[in-house]
Amino acid sequence: MMEEQVRLLEGLWEDVRELSLGNRIQRLDSAPTPLQFLRDYVSPNKPCIISNAISHWPALSLWPNLSYLSSSLSDSTVSLHLTPDGLADSLVSLETPKKGETCFASAHVEHVPFPCALDLVLNSERNNVVGYLQQQNDCFREEYSVLASDCDAHIPWATEALGGCLPEAVNLWIGNHSSETSFHKDHYENLYVVVSGEKQFLLLPPTDVHRMYIQEYPAAQYSYSSGSGEFRLELEKPQRYVPWCSVNPYPPPETKENEMSKFPLYFNGPKPFHCTVKAGEILYLPSMWFHHVRQSPDDNGCTIAINYWYDMQFDIKYAYFNFLQSIHHGSTLMNYDATKSTLSDELCIDANELEAEEANQEDTKDERALIF
């Protein structure tokens, strides 16, 4: 890619933040009206965090009680994802004749009684295996239907704003501090509700697609032997390839310098939005936004969340994104020099820094979480 194209991309990243997104994720103290949600967030493809919209849910008080969950789901068989490190659907180095070949690794999945699955999630460190209760196939309605009366079947104001159609999928997520989701995007309007614990999101708008260094990687699958307690990672046969984001936003110290050199557009461009979603809050995650997720458990050692996937509109924004993504990022872009960037770090300030600053200035205000 020519240097002029890099400059134009820089201008795009700057414009979208100055004209639309600002430098933080907006917070709402109550549920928006359908019109407000559609006009201010869905149409401009802009995330927000909503408080006090699910205060009526019994789940907020019931689900953190793990005895309640185990009793209610004692006869339920659920999908349990197992990995050696909590990183599923992520990039992993595979031991092959091609030294250090990187693959897209999927978790080993077992279908087990809920009480057994929950025990493994809670005791992952002792068992040297990280368990995550999740399945992105409408698992809440398929596997956890006995809990349906504890929460809403859909988010009413979002359903109306999005055309009246019910969510295509509702998914439940129960994990511990080791569970982490790598950068990716979804073609859904996502209402992500944290019930217990906290979730930390890193977010980048679709305009920043080149900063993700998306490449195709060979697909691989973990297999786990409970007898030996060991994992094997093998390439799928027949071989298939998965396009995936190459960037790890939290590289270990020993590889950080190398990662920053390989992916300068990410590390030297504007900071990603960062936000913490707490129990009882909803994150509206617009379609095609790139997101990376970590979590902090509650006192019981679990983070519990439920999300509602609504179909997105494949409209002009989708066409624009496809065009932007099709622009080849060649050697000039890959070797992007941070010193040439015209972007200021002030365009996107880390959420935690902003929260600390505002807390010092206005002690009377409630603590606010700022963008991922």
Protein backbone atom coordinates (compact mmCIF):
# COMPACT_ATOMS: atom_id res chain seq x y z
CA MET A 1 0.00 0.00 0.00
CA MET A 2 1.32 3.44 -0.91
CA GLU A 3 2.18 5.97 1.79
CA GLU A 4 -0.68 8.16 0.56
CA GLN A 5 -3.13 5.37 1.32
CA VAL A 6 -1.74 5.08 4.83
CA ARG A 7 -2.27 8.80 5.31
CA LEU A 8 -5.86 8.49 4.13
CA LEU A 9 -6.51 5.67 6.58
CA GLU A 10 -5.10 7.78 9.38
CA GLY A 11 -7.51 10.52 8.39
CA LEU A 12 -10.40 8.07 8.50
CA TRP A 13 -9.51 6.87 12.00
CA GLU A 14 -9.27 10.49 13.15
CA ASP A 15 -12.51 11.60 11.50
CA VAL A 16 -14.65 8.80 12.90
CA ARG A 17 -13.50 9.61 16.43
CA GLU A 18 -13.89 13.38 16.07
CA LEU A 19 -17.22 13.32 14.24
CA SER A 20 -19.01 10.38 15.84
CA LEU A 21 -17.38 8.28 18.53
CA GLY A 22 -15.61 10.79 20.75
CA ASN A 23 -13.05 9.50 23.23
CA ARG A 24 -15.20 7.39 25.52
CA ILE A 25 -18.16 5.04 25.46
CA GLN A 26 -21.30 6.85 26.47
CA ARG A 27 -23.18 5.69 29.55
CA LEU A 28 -26.94 5.81 30.04
CA ASP A 29 -28.48 5.75 33.51
CA SER A 30 -31.68 4.09 32.32
CA ALA A 31 -33.03 2.16 29.37
CA PRO A 32 -33.40 4.31 26.24
CA THR A 33 -36.61 4.57 24.30
CA PRO A 34 -36.66 2.52 21.09
CA LEU A 35 -36.42 5.75 19.08
CA GLN A 36 -33.46 7.04 21.08
CA PHE A 37 -31.65 3.72 20.84
CA LEU A 38 -32.16 3.50 17.07
CA ARG A 39 -31.35 7.14 16.38
CA ASP A 40 -28.37 7.66 18.70
CA TYR A 41 -26.68 4.25 18.70
CA VAL A 42 -27.86 1.67 16.16
CA SER A 43 -27.97 3.95 13.11
CA PRO A 44 -24.56 5.55 13.78
CA ASN A 45 -23.12 2.15 14.77
CA LYS A 46 -22.05 3.50 18.16
CA PRO A 47 -21.67 1.47 21.38
CA CYS A 48 -23.04 2.45 24.77
CA ILE A 49 -23.40 1.02 28.28
CA ILE A 50 -26.83 1.03 29.91
CA SER A 51 -27.45 0.85 33.66
CA ASN A 52 -30.70 0.17 35.53
CA ALA A 53 -32.34 -1.55 32.56
CA ILE A 54 -32.58 -5.05 34.05
CA SER A 55 -33.09 -4.28 37.74
CA HIS A 56 -36.27 -6.38 37.63
CA TRP A 57 -34.42 -9.57 36.67
CA PRO A 58 -34.47 -12.30 39.35
CA ALA A 59 -31.22 -13.54 37.78
CA LEU A 60 -29.26 -10.69 39.38
CA SER A 61 -29.85 -12.14 42.84
CA LEU A 62 -30.35 -15.81 41.97
CA TRP A 63 -27.53 -16.69 39.57
CA PRO A 64 -24.61 -15.58 41.77
CA ASN A 65 -25.86 -18.26 44.17
CA LEU A 66 -24.15 -21.26 42.59
CA SER A 67 -26.18 -23.68 44.71
CA TYR A 68 -29.30 -22.31 43.03
CA LEU A 69 -27.83 -22.90 39.59
CA SER A 70 -26.65 -26.42 40.41
CA SER A 71 -30.03 -27.33 41.86
CA SER A 72 -32.03 -25.81 38.99
CA LEU A 73 -29.80 -27.39 36.35
CA SER A 74 -29.13 -30.70 38.09
CA ASP A 75 -30.72 -32.65 35.24
CA SER A 76 -29.38 -30.47 32.41
CA THR A 77 -26.59 -31.48 30.05
CA VAL A 78 -24.59 -28.49 28.87
CA SER A 79 -21.70 -27.67 26.53
CA LEU A 80 -18.35 -27.28 28.28
CA HIS A 81 -15.40 -25.84 26.36
CA LEU A 82 -11.95 -26.96 27.52
CA THR A 83 -8.56 -25.43 26.74
CA PRO A 84 -5.15 -25.56 28.44
CA ASP A 85 -5.02 -21.79 28.99
CA GLY A 86 -8.50 -20.27 28.60
CA LEU A 87 -7.84 -19.11 25.04
CA ALA A 88 -10.37 -20.68 22.69
CA ASP A 89 -11.00 -19.53 19.13
CA SER A 90 -7.59 -17.91 19.16
CA LEU A 91 -4.21 -18.11 17.46
CA VAL A 92 -1.77 -20.71 18.78
CA SER A 93 1.67 -21.88 17.66
CA LEU A 94 1.44 -25.45 16.44
CA GLU A 95 4.33 -27.92 16.57
CA THR A 96 4.65 -29.02 12.96
CA PRO A 97 7.48 -29.63 10.51
CA LYS A 98 7.04 -25.92 9.77
CA LYS A 99 8.47 -24.62 13.03
CA GLY A 100 6.22 -22.16 14.82
CA GLU A 101 3.30 -22.43 12.41
CA THR A 102 0.36 -20.43 13.71
CA CYS A 103 -3.11 -21.93 13.60
CA PHE A 104 -6.64 -21.00 14.63
CA ALA A 105 -7.39 -23.25 17.60
CA SER A 106 -10.89 -24.26 18.72
CA ALA A 107 -11.68 -25.68 22.15
CA HIS A 108 -12.37 -29.29 23.02
CA VAL A 109 -16.12 -29.55 23.70
CA GLU A 110 -17.81 -32.00 26.03
CA HIS A 111 -21.47 -32.37 26.95
CA VAL A 112 -21.73 -33.02 30.67
CA PRO A 113 -24.17 -32.51 33.57
CA PHE A 114 -24.19 -28.88 34.68
CA PRO A 115 -23.00 -29.51 38.27
CA CYS A 116 -19.91 -31.35 36.96
CA ALA A 117 -19.23 -28.63 34.41
CA LEU A 118 -19.52 -25.87 36.98
CA ASP A 119 -17.13 -27.70 39.30
CA LEU A 120 -14.52 -27.87 36.55
CA VAL A 121 -14.91 -24.14 35.83
CA LEU A 122 -14.41 -23.32 39.50
CA ASN A 123 -11.41 -25.63 39.91
CA SER A 124 -9.60 -25.01 36.64
CA GLU A 125 -6.24 -24.20 38.20
CA ARG A 126 -6.26 -27.35 40.31
CA ASN A 127 -7.09 -29.50 37.29
CA ASN A 128 -4.69 -27.76 34.85
CA VAL A 129 -7.53 -27.29 32.39
CA VAL A 130 -9.67 -24.20 31.87
CA GLY A 131 -13.39 -24.79 31.51
CA TYR A 132 -15.82 -22.30 29.99
CA LEU A 133 -19.57 -22.88 29.85
CA GLN A 134 -20.67 -21.46 26.52
CA GLN A 135 -21.87 -22.43 23.08
CA GLN A 136 -22.62 -19.82 20.45
CA ASN A 137 -25.68 -21.56 19.04
CA ASP A 138 -28.55 -20.14 21.11
CA CYS A 139 -27.35 -22.19 24.06
CA PHE A 140 -29.44 -20.35 26.66
CA ARG A 141 -32.71 -21.36 25.03
CA GLU A 142 -31.39 -24.79 24.06
CA GLU A 143 -29.53 -25.87 27.22
CA TYR A 144 -30.60 -23.53 30.02
CA SER A 145 -34.32 -23.10 29.36
CA VAL A 146 -35.18 -23.92 32.99
CA LEU A 147 -33.71 -20.51 33.86
CA ALA A 148 -35.89 -18.66 31.37
CA SER A 149 -38.14 -17.10 34.02
CA ASP A 150 -35.11 -15.48 35.69
CA CYS A 151 -34.52 -12.99 32.86
CA ASP A 152 -36.23 -11.44 29.85
CA ALA A 153 -36.55 -13.47 26.67
CA HIS A 154 -35.44 -10.37 24.77
CA ILE A 155 -34.62 -6.71 25.41
CA PRO A 156 -37.96 -4.99 24.62
CA TRP A 157 -36.71 -1.53 23.64
CA ALA A 158 -33.95 -3.06 21.52
CA THR A 159 -36.35 -5.48 19.85
CA GLU A 160 -38.67 -2.63 18.85
CA ALA A 161 -35.80 -0.46 17.64
CA LEU A 162 -34.39 -3.30 15.55
CA GLY A 163 -37.61 -3.96 13.66
CA GLY A 164 -39.62 -6.09 16.05
CA CYS A 165 -37.87 -9.39 15.36
CA LEU A 166 -36.80 -11.44 18.35
CA PRO A 167 -33.09 -12.27 18.86
CA GLU A 168 -31.70 -14.90 16.53
CA ALA A 169 -29.70 -16.34 19.43
CA VAL A 170 -29.44 -15.94 23.19
CA ASN A 171 -26.20 -17.25 24.70
CA LEU A 172 -25.08 -17.85 28.28
CA TRP A 173 -21.44 -17.49 29.37
CA ILE A 174 -20.05 -18.83 32.66
CA GLY A 175 -16.29 -18.66 33.13
CA ASN A 176 -13.45 -17.77 35.46
CA HIS A 177 -10.61 -15.26 35.38
CA SER A 178 -8.61 -17.36 32.88
CA SER A 179 -11.23 -17.24 30.12
CA GLU A 180 -10.32 -14.73 27.42
CA THR A 181 -11.77 -13.98 24.00
CA SER A 182 -9.43 -12.81 21.23
CA PHE A 183 -10.18 -9.91 18.89
CA HIS A 184 -12.97 -10.67 16.44
CA LYS A 185 -16.18 -9.20 15.03
CA ASP A 186 -19.74 -10.48 14.65
CA HIS A 187 -22.45 -9.70 12.12
CA TYR A 188 -25.01 -9.14 14.87
CA GLU A 189 -26.35 -6.28 16.94
CA ASN A 190 -25.22 -7.51 20.35
CA LEU A 191 -26.86 -6.69 23.70
CA TYR A 192 -24.37 -8.06 26.21
CA VAL A 193 -25.63 -8.33 29.80
CA VAL A 194 -23.33 -9.03 32.75
CA VAL A 195 -25.15 -10.79 35.59
CA SER A 196 -22.25 -11.52 37.95
CA GLY A 197 -18.63 -10.40 38.02
CA GLU A 198 -17.24 -7.96 35.45
CA LYS A 199 -16.20 -8.01 31.80
CA GLN A 200 -13.41 -5.87 30.37
CA PHE A 201 -13.82 -5.05 26.68
CA LEU A 202 -11.38 -3.61 24.17
CA LEU A 203 -13.27 -2.17 21.20
CA LEU A 204 -12.33 -0.90 17.76
CA PRO A 205 -14.79 0.39 15.14
CA PRO A 206 -15.11 -1.27 11.72
CA THR A 207 -13.16 1.62 10.19
CA ASP A 208 -10.04 0.27 11.94
CA VAL A 209 -10.13 -3.09 10.16
CA HIS A 210 -6.58 -2.75 8.79
CA ARG A 211 -5.25 -2.41 12.33
CA MET A 212 -6.38 -5.98 13.05
CA TYR A 213 -4.05 -7.55 10.43
CA ILE A 214 -6.64 -10.14 9.45
CA GLN A 215 -5.11 -13.20 7.80
CA GLU A 216 -6.21 -16.73 7.03
CA TYR A 217 -4.92 -19.39 9.41
CA PRO A 218 -5.24 -23.19 9.23
CA ALA A 219 -7.98 -24.45 11.56
CA ALA A 220 -7.01 -26.78 14.40
CA GLN A 221 -8.89 -28.51 17.20
CA TYR A 222 -7.94 -29.31 20.78
CA SER A 223 -8.64 -32.82 22.04
CA TYR A 224 -8.49 -33.56 25.76
CA SER A 225 -7.94 -36.82 27.62
CA SER A 226 -9.36 -36.78 31.13
CA GLY A 227 -7.30 -39.88 31.90
CA SER A 228 -3.92 -38.33 31.20
CA GLY A 229 -5.05 -34.74 31.74
CA GLU A 230 -3.28 -33.76 28.53
CA PHE A 231 -4.30 -31.76 25.46
CA ARG A 232 -3.42 -32.43 21.85
CA LEU A 233 -3.77 -29.82 19.13
CA GLU A 234 -4.18 -31.14 15.60
CA LEU A 235 -4.94 -29.53 12.27
CA GLU A 236 -8.38 -30.26 10.90
CA LYS A 237 -8.71 -32.71 8.01
CA PRO A 238 -9.65 -31.85 5.36
CA GLN A 239 -7.76 -28.66 5.91
CA ARG A 240 -9.68 -25.41 6.07
CA TYR A 241 -8.63 -21.82 6.74
CA VAL A 242 -10.18 -19.24 9.03
CA PRO A 243 -9.73 -15.46 8.60
CA TRP A 244 -8.81 -14.09 12.02
CA CYS A 245 -7.34 -11.02 13.71
CA SER A 246 -3.59 -11.40 14.22
CA VAL A 247 -3.22 -8.89 17.06
CA ASN A 248 -2.85 -9.89 20.70
CA PRO A 249 -3.42 -6.63 22.63
CA TYR A 250 -1.76 -8.02 25.77
CA PRO A 251 1.46 -9.72 24.60
CA PRO A 252 3.71 -11.17 27.31
CA PRO A 253 6.78 -9.07 28.18
CA GLU A 254 9.17 -11.41 26.39
CA THR A 255 7.39 -10.96 23.03
CA LYS A 256 5.95 -7.45 23.39
CA GLU A 257 8.66 -5.69 21.40
CA ASN A 258 8.35 -8.18 18.57
CA GLU A 259 4.54 -7.92 18.55
CA MET A 260 4.67 -4.12 18.45
CA SER A 261 7.06 -4.32 15.52
CA LYS A 262 4.85 -6.80 13.63
CA PHE A 263 1.60 -4.88 14.17
CA PRO A 264 2.45 -1.17 14.29
CA LEU A 265 -0.93 0.02 13.03
CA TYR A 266 -2.55 -1.41 16.14
CA PHE A 267 0.04 -0.48 18.76
CA ASN A 268 0.94 2.95 17.35
CA GLY A 269 -2.50 4.07 16.20
CA PRO A 270 -5.24 5.51 18.41
CA LYS A 271 -5.86 3.52 21.55
CA PRO A 272 -8.76 1.07 21.46
CA PHE A 273 -11.77 1.99 23.53
CA HIS A 274 -11.70 0.27 26.90
CA CYS A 275 -14.70 -0.29 29.13
CA THR A 276 -15.66 -2.36 32.13
CA VAL A 277 -19.19 -3.76 32.17
CA LYS A 278 -20.36 -4.55 35.68
CA ALA A 279 -23.10 -6.78 37.03
CA GLY A 280 -26.51 -5.37 36.10
CA GLU A 281 -25.21 -3.41 33.09
CA ILE A 282 -25.76 -3.88 29.36
CA LEU A 283 -23.17 -3.19 26.68
CA TYR A 284 -24.61 -2.44 23.27
CA LEU A 285 -21.92 -3.80 20.95
CA PRO A 286 -22.77 -2.73 17.39
CA SER A 287 -22.39 -5.06 14.45
CA MET A 288 -18.92 -5.44 12.93
CA TRP A 289 -17.11 -3.82 15.88
CA PHE A 290 -13.92 -5.66 16.79
CA HIS A 291 -13.85 -6.72 20.43
CA HIS A 292 -11.50 -8.47 22.83
CA VAL A 293 -12.87 -9.66 26.19
CA ARG A 294 -11.38 -10.45 29.59
CA GLN A 295 -13.27 -11.01 32.81
CA SER A 296 -13.05 -10.65 36.58
CA PRO A 297 -15.08 -13.13 38.64
CA ASP A 298 -17.30 -12.45 41.63
CA ASP A 299 -16.56 -13.73 45.13
CA ASN A 300 -17.63 -17.23 44.07
CA GLY A 301 -15.03 -17.34 41.30
CA CYS A 302 -17.44 -16.97 38.36
CA THR A 303 -18.35 -14.40 35.77
CA ILE A 304 -21.84 -14.90 34.36
CA ALA A 305 -23.23 -13.10 31.32
CA ILE A 306 -26.00 -13.51 28.79
CA ASN A 307 -26.10 -11.89 25.38
CA TYR A 308 -28.78 -11.32 22.77
CA TRP A 309 -27.81 -11.48 19.11
CA TYR A 310 -30.12 -9.57 16.78
CA ASP A 311 -29.72 -9.74 13.01
CA MET A 312 -27.89 -6.74 11.58
CA GLN A 313 -29.03 -4.82 8.54
CA PHE A 314 -26.80 -5.62 5.58
CA ASP A 315 -27.10 -2.09 4.26
CA ILE A 316 -24.79 0.62 2.96
CA LYS A 317 -22.56 0.43 6.06
CA TYR A 318 -21.87 -3.21 5.29
CA ALA A 319 -21.01 -2.30 1.69
CA TYR A 320 -18.65 0.42 2.88
CA PHE A 321 -16.95 -2.00 5.27
CA ASN A 322 -16.46 -4.63 2.58
CA PHE A 323 -14.92 -2.03 0.28
CA LEU A 324 -12.59 -0.78 3.00
CA GLN A 325 -11.57 -4.31 3.92
CA SER A 326 -10.80 -5.10 0.29
CA ILE A 327 -8.07 -2.46 0.16
CA HIS A 328 -4.86 -4.44 0.19
CA HIS A 329 -2.51 -3.71 3.09
CA GLY A 330 0.85 -4.31 1.48
CA SER A 331 4.40 -3.82 2.66
CA THR A 332 4.15 -0.05 3.14
CA LEU A 333 1.23 -0.40 5.50
CA MET A 334 2.70 -3.38 7.31
CA ASN A 335 5.89 -1.36 7.96
CA TYR A 336 3.97 1.69 9.06
CA ASP A 337 6.13 4.13 11.05
CA ALA A 338 4.46 5.47 14.17
CA THR A 339 6.41 8.72 13.90
CA LYS A 340 4.50 9.54 10.70
CA SER A 341 1.12 9.18 12.33
CA THR A 342 -0.85 12.41 12.66
CA LEU A 343 -3.14 10.89 15.26
CA SER A 344 -3.01 12.08 18.84
CA ASP A 345 -3.35 9.69 21.75
CA GLU A 346 -5.81 12.22 23.13
CA LEU A 347 -8.37 11.10 20.54
CA CYS A 348 -9.03 7.96 22.53
CA ILE A 349 -8.15 7.98 26.21
CA ASP A 350 -8.01 4.85 28.32
CA ALA A 351 -11.20 4.47 30.27
CA ASN A 352 -9.58 3.81 33.60
CA GLU A 353 -7.44 6.94 33.35
CA LEU A 354 -10.49 9.06 32.63
CA GLU A 355 -12.42 7.54 35.50
CA ALA A 356 -9.61 8.30 37.95
CA GLU A 357 -9.33 11.88 36.73
CA GLU A 358 -13.06 12.55 36.97
CA ALA A 359 -13.29 10.95 40.40
CA ASN A 360 -10.62 13.32 41.71
CA GLN A 361 -12.34 16.35 40.24
CA GLU A 362 -15.92 15.51 41.18
CA ASP A 363 -16.20 13.39 44.30
CA THR A 364 -19.95 13.83 44.30
CA LYS A 365 -20.43 12.08 40.98
CA ASP A 366 -20.90 8.37 40.59
CA GLU A 367 -18.00 6.42 39.13
CA ARG A 368 -18.33 6.12 35.39
CA ALA A 369 -16.78 3.49 33.11
CA LEU A 370 -15.31 4.85 29.88
CA ILE A 371 -14.73 3.27 26.53
CA PHE A 372 -12.97 0.02 25.63
